[in-house]
Amino acid sequence: QKAAADEARKAQEAEAKAKADDMRKRDLGMPKASAGAAAVGYAAAKSRKDTEGGAKQADDERKEIEARNSRILWQMREEAAKKAHQRRQEAAAAEEDRLMQTAVQFHK
């Protein structure tokens, strides 16, 4: 039973990791949410700083990129918290079932 619980936990962790990767890639429905896209965004913002008036535009783009990354991280944290809560509830239910089975065995 413990081995099955470990397998289920590992499967959930792998699924959560895959979901987090997908969320990073989707960026709330936008196709360029990967860390590479953020790095490209920073590089593009930096290259515009060299032009006159480009510094403000680059700063605005940097702020937009940081806000988008912050939203992604917030969503990932929220999903992780939901998964952790669900795992705790499932573990409590499994423990309760185990105790109930032990009690039934004891009374037989």
N, C-alpha and C. Protein backbone atom coordinates (compact mmCIF):
# COMPACT_ATOMS: atom_id res chain seq x y z
N GLN A 1 0.84 -1.20 0.00
CA GLN A 1 0.00 0.00 0.00
C GLN A 1 0.88 1.26 0.00
N LYS A 2 1.98 1.19 0.76
CA LYS A 2 2.89 2.33 0.80
C LYS A 2 3.58 2.52 -0.55
N ALA A 3 3.95 1.41 -1.19
CA ALA A 3 4.58 1.49 -2.51
C ALA A 3 3.62 2.11 -3.52
N ALA A 4 2.35 1.73 -3.43
CA ALA A 4 1.34 2.30 -4.35
C ALA A 4 1.18 3.80 -4.10
N ALA A 5 1.22 4.21 -2.84
CA ALA A 5 1.11 5.63 -2.51
C ALA A 5 2.32 6.39 -3.04
N ASP A 6 3.52 5.78 -2.93
CA ASP A 6 4.73 6.42 -3.46
C ASP A 6 4.64 6.56 -4.97
N GLU A 7 4.17 5.51 -5.65
CA GLU A 7 4.01 5.57 -7.10
C GLU A 7 3.03 6.67 -7.50
N ALA A 8 1.92 6.76 -6.78
CA ALA A 8 0.91 7.79 -7.08
C ALA A 8 1.49 9.18 -6.86
N ARG A 9 2.26 9.33 -5.79
CA ARG A 9 2.88 10.63 -5.49
C ARG A 9 3.87 11.01 -6.59
N LYS A 10 4.69 10.05 -7.03
CA LYS A 10 5.66 10.32 -8.09
C LYS A 10 4.96 10.68 -9.39
N ALA A 11 3.87 10.00 -9.69
CA ALA A 11 3.11 10.30 -10.90
C ALA A 11 2.52 11.70 -10.83
N GLN A 12 2.02 12.07 -9.65
CA GLN A 12 1.46 13.42 -9.48
C GLN A 12 2.55 14.48 -9.62
N GLU A 13 3.73 14.21 -9.07
CA GLU A 13 4.82 15.17 -9.19
C GLU A 13 5.24 15.34 -10.64
N ALA A 14 5.33 14.24 -11.38
CA ALA A 14 5.69 14.31 -12.79
C ALA A 14 4.64 15.08 -13.58
N GLU A 15 3.37 14.83 -13.26
CA GLU A 15 2.27 15.54 -13.93
C GLU A 15 2.32 17.03 -13.61
N ALA A 16 2.58 17.36 -12.35
CA ALA A 16 2.66 18.77 -11.95
C ALA A 16 3.82 19.46 -12.66
N LYS A 17 4.94 18.76 -12.78
CA LYS A 17 6.11 19.33 -13.47
C LYS A 17 5.79 19.57 -14.94
N ALA A 18 5.12 18.60 -15.57
CA ALA A 18 4.75 18.74 -16.98
C ALA A 18 3.77 19.89 -17.16
N LYS A 19 2.82 20.02 -16.23
CA LYS A 19 1.86 21.12 -16.30
C LYS A 19 2.55 22.46 -16.14
N ALA A 20 3.51 22.53 -15.22
CA ALA A 20 4.24 23.78 -15.00
C ALA A 20 5.02 24.15 -16.25
N ASP A 21 5.65 23.15 -16.89
CA ASP A 21 6.37 23.43 -18.13
C ASP A 21 5.41 23.93 -19.21
N ASP A 22 4.25 23.28 -19.32
CA ASP A 22 3.25 23.72 -20.30
C ASP A 22 2.79 25.14 -20.03
N MET A 23 2.56 25.45 -18.74
CA MET A 23 2.11 26.80 -18.39
C MET A 23 3.18 27.82 -18.75
N ARG A 24 4.44 27.47 -18.48
CA ARG A 24 5.52 28.39 -18.82
C ARG A 24 5.55 28.63 -20.31
N LYS A 25 5.33 27.58 -21.09
CA LYS A 25 5.38 27.72 -22.54
C LYS A 25 4.18 28.50 -23.07
N ARG A 26 3.03 28.29 -22.46
CA ARG A 26 1.82 28.96 -22.94
C ARG A 26 1.76 30.42 -22.55
N ASP A 27 2.29 30.77 -21.38
CA ASP A 27 2.25 32.14 -20.86
C ASP A 27 0.84 32.70 -20.92
N LEU A 28 -0.06 32.01 -20.27
CA LEU A 28 -1.46 32.45 -20.20
C LEU A 28 -2.06 32.61 -21.59
N GLY A 29 -1.74 31.69 -22.48
CA GLY A 29 -2.30 31.74 -23.82
C GLY A 29 -1.40 32.37 -24.86
N MET A 30 -0.27 32.91 -24.45
CA MET A 30 0.66 33.52 -25.40
C MET A 30 1.76 32.51 -25.69
N PRO A 31 2.22 32.41 -26.94
CA PRO A 31 3.14 31.35 -27.30
C PRO A 31 4.57 31.51 -26.81
N LYS A 32 5.00 32.67 -26.36
CA LYS A 32 6.42 32.85 -26.03
C LYS A 32 6.67 33.06 -24.54
N ALA A 33 6.30 32.09 -23.74
CA ALA A 33 6.43 32.26 -22.29
C ALA A 33 7.65 31.57 -21.72
N SER A 34 8.46 30.96 -22.56
CA SER A 34 9.62 30.25 -22.04
C SER A 34 10.65 31.22 -21.49
N ALA A 35 11.56 30.70 -20.72
CA ALA A 35 12.63 31.54 -20.17
C ALA A 35 13.47 32.11 -21.30
N GLY A 36 13.60 31.36 -22.38
CA GLY A 36 14.34 31.85 -23.54
C GLY A 36 13.69 33.08 -24.13
N ALA A 37 12.36 33.09 -24.17
CA ALA A 37 11.65 34.26 -24.69
C ALA A 37 11.88 35.47 -23.80
N ALA A 38 11.92 35.25 -22.49
CA ALA A 38 12.19 36.35 -21.57
C ALA A 38 13.60 36.87 -21.80
N ALA A 39 14.55 35.96 -22.01
CA ALA A 39 15.93 36.38 -22.26
C ALA A 39 16.02 37.17 -23.56
N VAL A 40 15.30 36.71 -24.58
CA VAL A 40 15.27 37.44 -25.85
C VAL A 40 14.65 38.82 -25.63
N GLY A 41 13.59 38.87 -24.81
CA GLY A 41 12.95 40.15 -24.52
C GLY A 41 13.91 41.11 -23.85
N TYR A 42 14.68 40.61 -22.89
CA TYR A 42 15.66 41.46 -22.23
C TYR A 42 16.73 41.93 -23.22
N ALA A 43 17.17 41.03 -24.10
CA ALA A 43 18.20 41.39 -25.08
C ALA A 43 17.67 42.46 -26.04
N ALA A 44 16.42 42.29 -26.47
CA ALA A 44 15.82 43.27 -27.38
C ALA A 44 15.67 44.62 -26.68
N ALA A 45 15.26 44.58 -25.42
CA ALA A 45 15.11 45.83 -24.67
C ALA A 45 16.47 46.50 -24.50
N LYS A 46 17.50 45.72 -24.26
CA LYS A 46 18.83 46.28 -24.06
C LYS A 46 19.34 46.91 -25.36
N SER A 47 19.09 46.26 -26.50
CA SER A 47 19.59 46.79 -27.77
C SER A 47 18.88 48.10 -28.13
N ARG A 48 17.64 48.28 -27.70
CA ARG A 48 16.91 49.52 -28.01
C ARG A 48 17.39 50.68 -27.15
N LYS A 49 18.06 50.37 -26.05
CA LYS A 49 18.55 51.44 -25.19
C LYS A 49 19.57 52.31 -25.92
N ASP A 50 20.25 51.73 -26.91
CA ASP A 50 21.28 52.46 -27.64
C ASP A 50 20.68 53.57 -28.49
N THR A 51 19.43 53.43 -28.90
CA THR A 51 18.80 54.46 -29.73
C THR A 51 18.20 55.55 -28.84
N GLU A 52 18.06 56.73 -29.41
CA GLU A 52 17.50 57.85 -28.64
C GLU A 52 16.02 57.60 -28.39
N GLY A 53 15.59 57.76 -27.16
CA GLY A 53 14.20 57.53 -26.81
C GLY A 53 13.88 56.06 -26.61
N GLY A 54 14.82 55.21 -26.92
CA GLY A 54 14.60 53.78 -26.78
C GLY A 54 14.71 53.31 -25.34
N ALA A 55 15.34 54.12 -24.51
CA ALA A 55 15.53 53.71 -23.11
C ALA A 55 14.18 53.56 -22.41
N LYS A 56 13.26 54.51 -22.65
CA LYS A 56 11.94 54.41 -22.02
C LYS A 56 11.18 53.20 -22.54
N GLN A 57 11.25 53.01 -23.85
CA GLN A 57 10.57 51.85 -24.44
C GLN A 57 11.16 50.55 -23.90
N ALA A 58 12.48 50.50 -23.80
CA ALA A 58 13.14 49.30 -23.27
C ALA A 58 12.73 49.07 -21.82
N ASP A 59 12.63 50.15 -21.05
CA ASP A 59 12.24 50.02 -19.65
C ASP A 59 10.80 49.52 -19.55
N ASP A 60 9.92 50.05 -20.40
CA ASP A 60 8.53 49.59 -20.41
C ASP A 60 8.45 48.11 -20.77
N GLU A 61 9.23 47.70 -21.77
CA GLU A 61 9.23 46.29 -22.17
C GLU A 61 9.77 45.41 -21.05
N ARG A 62 10.80 45.87 -20.38
CA ARG A 62 11.38 45.11 -19.26
C ARG A 62 10.34 44.93 -18.16
N LYS A 63 9.62 46.01 -17.86
CA LYS A 63 8.58 45.93 -16.83
C LYS A 63 7.48 44.96 -17.25
N GLU A 64 7.11 44.99 -18.53
CA GLU A 64 6.08 44.08 -19.03
C GLU A 64 6.54 42.63 -18.93
N ILE A 65 7.79 42.38 -19.28
CA ILE A 65 8.34 41.03 -19.20
C ILE A 65 8.36 40.57 -17.75
N GLU A 66 8.80 41.43 -16.85
CA GLU A 66 8.85 41.08 -15.43
C GLU A 66 7.45 40.81 -14.88
N ALA A 67 6.47 41.60 -15.30
CA ALA A 67 5.10 41.39 -14.83
C ALA A 67 4.56 40.05 -15.34
N ARG A 68 4.85 39.74 -16.60
CA ARG A 68 4.40 38.46 -17.17
C ARG A 68 5.04 37.30 -16.42
N ASN A 69 6.35 37.39 -16.18
CA ASN A 69 7.04 36.33 -15.44
C ASN A 69 6.49 36.19 -14.03
N SER A 70 6.15 37.31 -13.41
CA SER A 70 5.59 37.30 -12.06
C SER A 70 4.24 36.59 -12.06
N ARG A 71 3.41 36.87 -13.07
CA ARG A 71 2.10 36.20 -13.18
C ARG A 71 2.27 34.69 -13.34
N ILE A 72 3.23 34.31 -14.16
CA ILE A 72 3.48 32.88 -14.39
C ILE A 72 3.89 32.21 -13.09
N LEU A 73 4.83 32.83 -12.37
CA LEU A 73 5.28 32.26 -11.10
C LEU A 73 4.15 32.18 -10.09
N TRP A 74 3.31 33.23 -10.04
CA TRP A 74 2.18 33.23 -9.11
C TRP A 74 1.25 32.08 -9.43
N GLN A 75 0.96 31.88 -10.72
CA GLN A 75 0.08 30.78 -11.13
C GLN A 75 0.67 29.43 -10.76
N MET A 76 1.98 29.29 -10.98
CA MET A 76 2.64 28.02 -10.65
C MET A 76 2.58 27.76 -9.15
N ARG A 77 2.80 28.80 -8.34
CA ARG A 77 2.72 28.63 -6.89
C ARG A 77 1.32 28.24 -6.46
N GLU A 78 0.32 28.88 -7.07
CA GLU A 78 -1.07 28.57 -6.74
C GLU A 78 -1.40 27.12 -7.09
N GLU A 79 -0.98 26.68 -8.26
CA GLU A 79 -1.21 25.29 -8.67
C GLU A 79 -0.51 24.33 -7.72
N ALA A 80 0.72 24.65 -7.33
CA ALA A 80 1.47 23.78 -6.41
C ALA A 80 0.77 23.71 -5.06
N ALA A 81 0.25 24.84 -4.59
CA ALA A 81 -0.46 24.85 -3.31
C ALA A 81 -1.72 24.00 -3.38
N LYS A 82 -2.45 24.10 -4.49
CA LYS A 82 -3.66 23.28 -4.66
C LYS A 82 -3.31 21.80 -4.67
N LYS A 83 -2.24 21.45 -5.39
CA LYS A 83 -1.83 20.05 -5.46
C LYS A 83 -1.40 19.55 -4.08
N ALA A 84 -0.65 20.37 -3.34
CA ALA A 84 -0.20 19.97 -2.01
C ALA A 84 -1.39 19.75 -1.08
N HIS A 85 -2.37 20.63 -1.16
CA HIS A 85 -3.57 20.50 -0.34
C HIS A 85 -4.30 19.20 -0.68
N GLN A 86 -4.43 18.94 -1.98
CA GLN A 86 -5.10 17.72 -2.43
C GLN A 86 -4.33 16.48 -1.94
N ARG A 87 -3.00 16.51 -2.04
CA ARG A 87 -2.20 15.37 -1.58
C ARG A 87 -2.37 15.16 -0.08
N ARG A 88 -2.41 16.26 0.69
CA ARG A 88 -2.60 16.12 2.14
C ARG A 88 -3.96 15.50 2.45
N GLN A 89 -5.00 15.94 1.73
CA GLN A 89 -6.33 15.38 1.95
C GLN A 89 -6.36 13.89 1.59
N GLU A 90 -5.73 13.53 0.47
CA GLU A 90 -5.71 12.13 0.06
C GLU A 90 -4.93 11.29 1.07
N ALA A 91 -3.81 11.83 1.58
CA ALA A 91 -3.02 11.10 2.57
C ALA A 91 -3.82 10.90 3.85
N ALA A 92 -4.55 11.93 4.26
CA ALA A 92 -5.37 11.81 5.47
C ALA A 92 -6.47 10.77 5.27
N ALA A 93 -7.08 10.77 4.09
CA ALA A 93 -8.14 9.78 3.81
C ALA A 93 -7.55 8.37 3.78
N ALA A 94 -6.37 8.21 3.19
CA ALA A 94 -5.74 6.89 3.14
C ALA A 94 -5.38 6.42 4.55
N GLU A 95 -4.89 7.33 5.37
CA GLU A 95 -4.55 6.98 6.76
C GLU A 95 -5.80 6.58 7.53
N GLU A 96 -6.88 7.32 7.31
CA GLU A 96 -8.15 6.99 7.98
C GLU A 96 -8.65 5.61 7.55
N ASP A 97 -8.54 5.32 6.25
CA ASP A 97 -8.94 4.00 5.76
C ASP A 97 -8.08 2.90 6.38
N ARG A 98 -6.78 3.16 6.47
CA ARG A 98 -5.87 2.17 7.05
C ARG A 98 -6.22 1.92 8.51
N LEU A 99 -6.49 2.99 9.25
CA LEU A 99 -6.86 2.83 10.66
C LEU A 99 -8.18 2.09 10.80
N MET A 100 -9.11 2.38 9.91
CA MET A 100 -10.41 1.70 9.95
C MET A 100 -10.22 0.20 9.68
N GLN A 101 -9.39 -0.13 8.70
CA GLN A 101 -9.13 -1.55 8.40
C GLN A 101 -8.47 -2.24 9.59
N THR A 102 -7.55 -1.54 10.24
CA THR A 102 -6.89 -2.10 11.42
C THR A 102 -7.91 -2.34 12.53
N ALA A 103 -8.81 -1.41 12.72
CA ALA A 103 -9.84 -1.55 13.76
C ALA A 103 -10.76 -2.72 13.44
N VAL A 104 -11.13 -2.86 12.17
CA VAL A 104 -12.01 -3.96 11.76
C VAL A 104 -11.30 -5.30 11.98
N GLN A 105 -10.01 -5.36 11.60
CA GLN A 105 -9.23 -6.59 11.81
C GLN A 105 -9.14 -6.93 13.29
N PHE A 106 -8.96 -5.91 14.10
CA PHE A 106 -8.82 -6.10 15.55
C PHE A 106 -10.09 -6.68 16.15
N HIS A 107 -11.24 -6.22 15.65
CA HIS A 107 -12.52 -6.65 16.22
C HIS A 107 -12.97 -8.02 15.72
N LYS A 108 -12.32 -8.54 14.69
CA LYS A 108 -12.75 -9.85 14.14
C LYS A 108 -12.40 -10.99 15.02
